[in-house]
Amino acid sequence: MSIFRVILSIVFPPLAVIDKGCGSTLIVFLLTLCGWVPGVIAALVIINNPDR
């Protein structure tokens, strides 16, 4: 997890997970529409996941 990704997930969460797949991007985008904090949390969790 690079510092650039962390900053990007705080500023615009869907853009930080764009390379993780369409499903992850869509989930983070919908959560960001519901509220900024859930989108940031989801983006950080997806970025920090070592399986993907």
PDB file of N, CA and C in Angstrom:
ATOM      1  N   MET A   1       0.852  -1.165   0.000  1.00  0.00           N
ATOM      2  CA  MET A   1       0.000   0.000   0.000  1.00  0.00           C
ATOM      3  C   MET A   1       0.902   1.234   0.000  1.00  0.00           C
ATOM      4  N   SER A   2       0.838   1.977  -1.069  1.00  0.00           N
ATOM      5  CA  SER A   2       1.686   3.150  -1.190  1.00  0.00           C
ATOM      6  C   SER A   2       0.991   4.380  -0.613  1.00  0.00           C
ATOM      7  N   ILE A   3       1.775   5.368  -0.300  1.00  0.00           N
ATOM      8  CA  ILE A   3       1.244   6.607   0.266  1.00  0.00           C
ATOM      9  C   ILE A   3       0.368   7.323  -0.759  1.00  0.00           C
ATOM     10  N   PHE A   4       0.699   7.170  -2.044  1.00  0.00           N
ATOM     11  CA  PHE A   4      -0.112   7.781  -3.100  1.00  0.00           C
ATOM     12  C   PHE A   4      -1.514   7.189  -3.103  1.00  0.00           C
ATOM     13  N   ARG A   5      -1.614   5.872  -2.945  1.00  0.00           N
ATOM     14  CA  ARG A   5      -2.925   5.210  -2.912  1.00  0.00           C
ATOM     15  C   ARG A   5      -3.732   5.647  -1.701  1.00  0.00           C
ATOM     16  N   VAL A   6      -3.093   5.803  -0.573  1.00  0.00           N
ATOM     17  CA  VAL A   6      -3.797   6.228   0.641  1.00  0.00           C
ATOM     18  C   VAL A   6      -4.348   7.636   0.459  1.00  0.00           C
ATOM     19  N   ILE A   7      -3.538   8.529  -0.068  1.00  0.00           N
ATOM     20  CA  ILE A   7      -3.995   9.903  -0.294  1.00  0.00           C
ATOM     21  C   ILE A   7      -5.120   9.924  -1.325  1.00  0.00           C
ATOM     22  N   LEU A   8      -4.983   9.119  -2.371  1.00  0.00           N
ATOM     23  CA  LEU A   8      -6.011   9.052  -3.399  1.00  0.00           C
ATOM     24  C   LEU A   8      -7.312   8.479  -2.844  1.00  0.00           C
ATOM     25  N   SER A   9      -7.221   7.505  -1.939  1.00  0.00           N
ATOM     26  CA  SER A   9      -8.438   6.937  -1.359  1.00  0.00           C
ATOM     27  C   SER A   9      -9.123   7.918  -0.416  1.00  0.00           C
ATOM     28  N   ILE A  10      -8.393   8.845   0.137  1.00  0.00           N
ATOM     29  CA  ILE A  10      -9.008   9.861   0.993  1.00  0.00           C
ATOM     30  C   ILE A  10      -9.649  10.948   0.136  1.00  0.00           C
ATOM     31  N   VAL A  11      -9.003  11.335  -0.948  1.00  0.00           N
ATOM     32  CA  VAL A  11      -9.523  12.394  -1.797  1.00  0.00           C
ATOM     33  C   VAL A  11     -10.689  11.907  -2.654  1.00  0.00           C
ATOM     34  N   PHE A  12     -10.500  10.806  -3.372  1.00  0.00           N
ATOM     35  CA  PHE A  12     -11.540  10.256  -4.244  1.00  0.00           C
ATOM     36  C   PHE A  12     -11.443   8.732  -4.216  1.00  0.00           C
ATOM     37  N   PRO A  13     -12.177   8.092  -3.325  1.00  0.00           N
ATOM     38  CA  PRO A  13     -12.032   6.653  -3.089  1.00  0.00           C
ATOM     39  C   PRO A  13     -12.211   5.746  -4.310  1.00  0.00           C
ATOM     40  N   PRO A  14     -13.178   5.968  -5.205  1.00  0.00           N
ATOM     41  CA  PRO A  14     -13.301   5.033  -6.337  1.00  0.00           C
ATOM     42  C   PRO A  14     -12.086   5.005  -7.259  1.00  0.00           C
ATOM     43  N   LEU A  15     -11.408   6.117  -7.373  1.00  0.00           N
ATOM     44  CA  LEU A  15     -10.234   6.168  -8.238  1.00  0.00           C
ATOM     45  C   LEU A  15      -9.074   5.359  -7.664  1.00  0.00           C
ATOM     46  N   ALA A  16      -9.030   5.215  -6.362  1.00  0.00           N
ATOM     47  CA  ALA A  16      -7.945   4.460  -5.730  1.00  0.00           C
ATOM     48  C   ALA A  16      -8.070   2.962  -5.960  1.00  0.00           C
ATOM     49  N   VAL A  17      -9.280   2.457  -6.195  1.00  0.00           N
ATOM     50  CA  VAL A  17      -9.476   1.016  -6.371  1.00  0.00           C
ATOM     51  C   VAL A  17      -9.843   0.658  -7.808  1.00  0.00           C
ATOM     52  N   ILE A  18      -9.550   1.528  -8.751  1.00  0.00           N
ATOM     53  CA  ILE A  18      -9.962   1.306 -10.138  1.00  0.00           C
ATOM     54  C   ILE A  18      -9.310   0.061 -10.739  1.00  0.00           C
ATOM     55  N   ASP A  19      -8.115  -0.299 -10.294  1.00  0.00           N
ATOM     56  CA  ASP A  19      -7.438  -1.463 -10.865  1.00  0.00           C
ATOM     57  C   ASP A  19      -7.765  -2.771 -10.132  1.00  0.00           C
ATOM     58  N   LYS A  20      -8.614  -2.707  -9.124  1.00  0.00           N
ATOM     59  CA  LYS A  20      -8.982  -3.905  -8.361  1.00  0.00           C
ATOM     60  C   LYS A  20     -10.177  -4.632  -8.959  1.00  0.00           C
ATOM     61  N   GLY A  21     -10.763  -4.102  -9.991  1.00  0.00           N
ATOM     62  CA  GLY A  21     -11.882  -4.751 -10.648  1.00  0.00           C
ATOM     63  C   GLY A  21     -13.117  -3.884 -10.630  1.00  0.00           C
ATOM     64  N   CYS A  22     -14.048  -4.241 -11.492  1.00  0.00           N
ATOM     65  CA  CYS A  22     -15.264  -3.451 -11.653  1.00  0.00           C
ATOM     66  C   CYS A  22     -16.154  -3.526 -10.413  1.00  0.00           C
ATOM     67  N   GLY A  23     -16.222  -4.687  -9.792  1.00  0.00           N
ATOM     68  CA  GLY A  23     -17.072  -4.850  -8.615  1.00  0.00           C
ATOM     69  C   GLY A  23     -16.608  -3.999  -7.445  1.00  0.00           C
ATOM     70  N   SER A  24     -15.316  -4.004  -7.197  1.00  0.00           N
ATOM     71  CA  SER A  24     -14.772  -3.202  -6.098  1.00  0.00           C
ATOM     72  C   SER A  24     -14.976  -1.717  -6.349  1.00  0.00           C
ATOM     73  N   THR A  25     -14.758  -1.308  -7.576  1.00  0.00           N
ATOM     74  CA  THR A  25     -14.939   0.106  -7.919  1.00  0.00           C
ATOM     75  C   THR A  25     -16.396   0.514  -7.748  1.00  0.00           C
ATOM     76  N   LEU A  26     -17.304  -0.346  -8.178  1.00  0.00           N
ATOM     77  CA  LEU A  26     -18.725  -0.044  -8.066  1.00  0.00           C
ATOM     78  C   LEU A  26     -19.171   0.032  -6.605  1.00  0.00           C
ATOM     79  N   ILE A  27     -18.707  -0.891  -5.788  1.00  0.00           N
ATOM     80  CA  ILE A  27     -19.067  -0.883  -4.363  1.00  0.00           C
ATOM     81  C   ILE A  27     -18.554   0.381  -3.689  1.00  0.00           C
ATOM     82  N   VAL A  28     -17.298   0.719  -3.951  1.00  0.00           N
ATOM     83  CA  VAL A  28     -16.728   1.926  -3.338  1.00  0.00           C
ATOM     84  C   VAL A  28     -17.436   3.173  -3.843  1.00  0.00           C
ATOM     85  N   PHE A  29     -17.796   3.191  -5.116  1.00  0.00           N
ATOM     86  CA  PHE A  29     -18.512   4.342  -5.666  1.00  0.00           C
ATOM     87  C   PHE A  29     -19.871   4.508  -4.999  1.00  0.00           C
ATOM     88  N   LEU A  30     -20.603   3.411  -4.846  1.00  0.00           N
ATOM     89  CA  LEU A  30     -21.920   3.488  -4.194  1.00  0.00           C
ATOM     90  C   LEU A  30     -21.801   3.892  -2.728  1.00  0.00           C
ATOM     91  N   LEU A  31     -20.812   3.372  -2.049  1.00  0.00           N
ATOM     92  CA  LEU A  31     -20.612   3.771  -0.655  1.00  0.00           C
ATOM     93  C   LEU A  31     -20.199   5.235  -0.545  1.00  0.00           C
ATOM     94  N   THR A  32     -19.442   5.716  -1.513  1.00  0.00           N
ATOM     95  CA  THR A  32     -19.058   7.125  -1.509  1.00  0.00           C
ATOM     96  C   THR A  32     -20.270   8.021  -1.758  1.00  0.00           C
ATOM     97  N   LEU A  33     -21.196   7.554  -2.585  1.00  0.00           N
ATOM     98  CA  LEU A  33     -22.421   8.323  -2.797  1.00  0.00           C
ATOM     99  C   LEU A  33     -23.263   8.383  -1.520  1.00  0.00           C
ATOM    100  N   CYS A  34     -23.249   7.313  -0.744  1.00  0.00           N
ATOM    101  CA  CYS A  34     -23.997   7.294   0.523  1.00  0.00           C
ATOM    102  C   CYS A  34     -23.343   8.197   1.570  1.00  0.00           C
ATOM    103  N   GLY A  35     -22.061   8.296   1.497  1.00  0.00           N
ATOM    104  CA  GLY A  35     -21.324   9.127   2.448  1.00  0.00           C
ATOM    105  C   GLY A  35     -19.850   8.992   2.185  1.00  0.00           C
ATOM    106  N   TRP A  36     -19.123  10.039   2.444  1.00  0.00           N
ATOM    107  CA  TRP A  36     -17.703  10.037   2.132  1.00  0.00           C
ATOM    108  C   TRP A  36     -16.928   9.059   3.007  1.00  0.00           C
ATOM    109  N   VAL A  37     -17.252   8.989   4.286  1.00  0.00           N
ATOM    110  CA  VAL A  37     -16.521   8.140   5.222  1.00  0.00           C
ATOM    111  C   VAL A  37     -16.656   6.656   4.876  1.00  0.00           C
ATOM    112  N   PRO A  38     -17.853   6.123   4.585  1.00  0.00           N
ATOM    113  CA  PRO A  38     -17.925   4.703   4.198  1.00  0.00           C
ATOM    114  C   PRO A  38     -17.127   4.391   2.929  1.00  0.00           C
ATOM    115  N   GLY A  39     -17.086   5.307   1.998  1.00  0.00           N
ATOM    116  CA  GLY A  39     -16.299   5.104   0.784  1.00  0.00           C
ATOM    117  C   GLY A  39     -14.812   5.044   1.061  1.00  0.00           C
ATOM    118  N   VAL A  40     -14.342   5.914   1.936  1.00  0.00           N
ATOM    119  CA  VAL A  40     -12.921   5.928   2.295  1.00  0.00           C
ATOM    120  C   VAL A  40     -12.557   4.645   3.041  1.00  0.00           C
ATOM    121  N   ILE A  41     -13.396   4.230   3.968  1.00  0.00           N
ATOM    122  CA  ILE A  41     -13.119   3.005   4.723  1.00  0.00           C
ATOM    123  C   ILE A  41     -13.086   1.793   3.797  1.00  0.00           C
ATOM    124  N   ALA A  42     -14.046   1.699   2.903  1.00  0.00           N
ATOM    125  CA  ALA A  42     -14.076   0.571   1.966  1.00  0.00           C
ATOM    126  C   ALA A  42     -12.856   0.589   1.050  1.00  0.00           C
ATOM    127  N   ALA A  43     -12.464   1.743   0.580  1.00  0.00           N
ATOM    128  CA  ALA A  43     -11.293   1.837  -0.294  1.00  0.00           C
ATOM    129  C   ALA A  43     -10.025   1.419   0.442  1.00  0.00           C
ATOM    130  N   LEU A  44      -9.880   1.859   1.673  1.00  0.00           N
ATOM    131  CA  LEU A  44      -8.694   1.472   2.448  1.00  0.00           C
ATOM    132  C   LEU A  44      -8.676  -0.019   2.737  1.00  0.00           C
ATOM    133  N   VAL A  45      -9.833  -0.600   3.007  1.00  0.00           N
ATOM    134  CA  VAL A  45      -9.899  -2.044   3.252  1.00  0.00           C
ATOM    135  C   VAL A  45      -9.540  -2.816   1.986  1.00  0.00           C
ATOM    136  N   ILE A  46     -10.056  -2.394   0.860  1.00  0.00           N
ATOM    137  CA  ILE A  46      -9.768  -3.090  -0.403  1.00  0.00           C
ATOM    138  C   ILE A  46      -8.301  -2.929  -0.794  1.00  0.00           C
ATOM    139  N   ILE A  47      -7.748  -1.765  -0.596  1.00  0.00           N
ATOM    140  CA  ILE A  47      -6.333  -1.540  -0.919  1.00  0.00           C
ATOM    141  C   ILE A  47      -5.432  -2.357   0.003  1.00  0.00           C
ATOM    142  N   ASN A  48      -5.806  -2.471   1.266  1.00  0.00           N
ATOM    143  CA  ASN A  48      -4.989  -3.149   2.253  1.00  0.00           C
ATOM    144  C   ASN A  48      -5.116  -4.672   2.195  1.00  0.00           C
ATOM    145  N   ASN A  49      -6.076  -5.198   1.427  1.00  0.00           N
ATOM    146  CA  ASN A  49      -6.291  -6.626   1.333  1.00  0.00           C
ATOM    147  C   ASN A  49      -5.162  -7.271   0.526  1.00  0.00           C
ATOM    148  N   PRO A  50      -4.383  -8.178   1.137  1.00  0.00           N
ATOM    149  CA  PRO A  50      -3.247  -8.778   0.415  1.00  0.00           C
ATOM    150  C   PRO A  50      -3.646  -9.871  -0.587  1.00  0.00           C
ATOM    151  N   ASP A  51      -4.897 -10.333  -0.540  1.00  0.00           N
ATOM    152  CA  ASP A  51      -5.319 -11.403  -1.433  1.00  0.00           C
ATOM    153  C   ASP A  51      -5.484 -10.934  -2.866  1.00  0.00           C
ATOM    154  N   ARG A  52      -5.759  -9.676  -3.079  1.00  0.00           N
ATOM    155  CA  ARG A  52      -6.010  -9.191  -4.438  1.00  0.00           C
ATOM    156  C   ARG A  52      -4.840  -8.465  -4.950  1.00  0.00           C
TER     157      ARG A  52
END
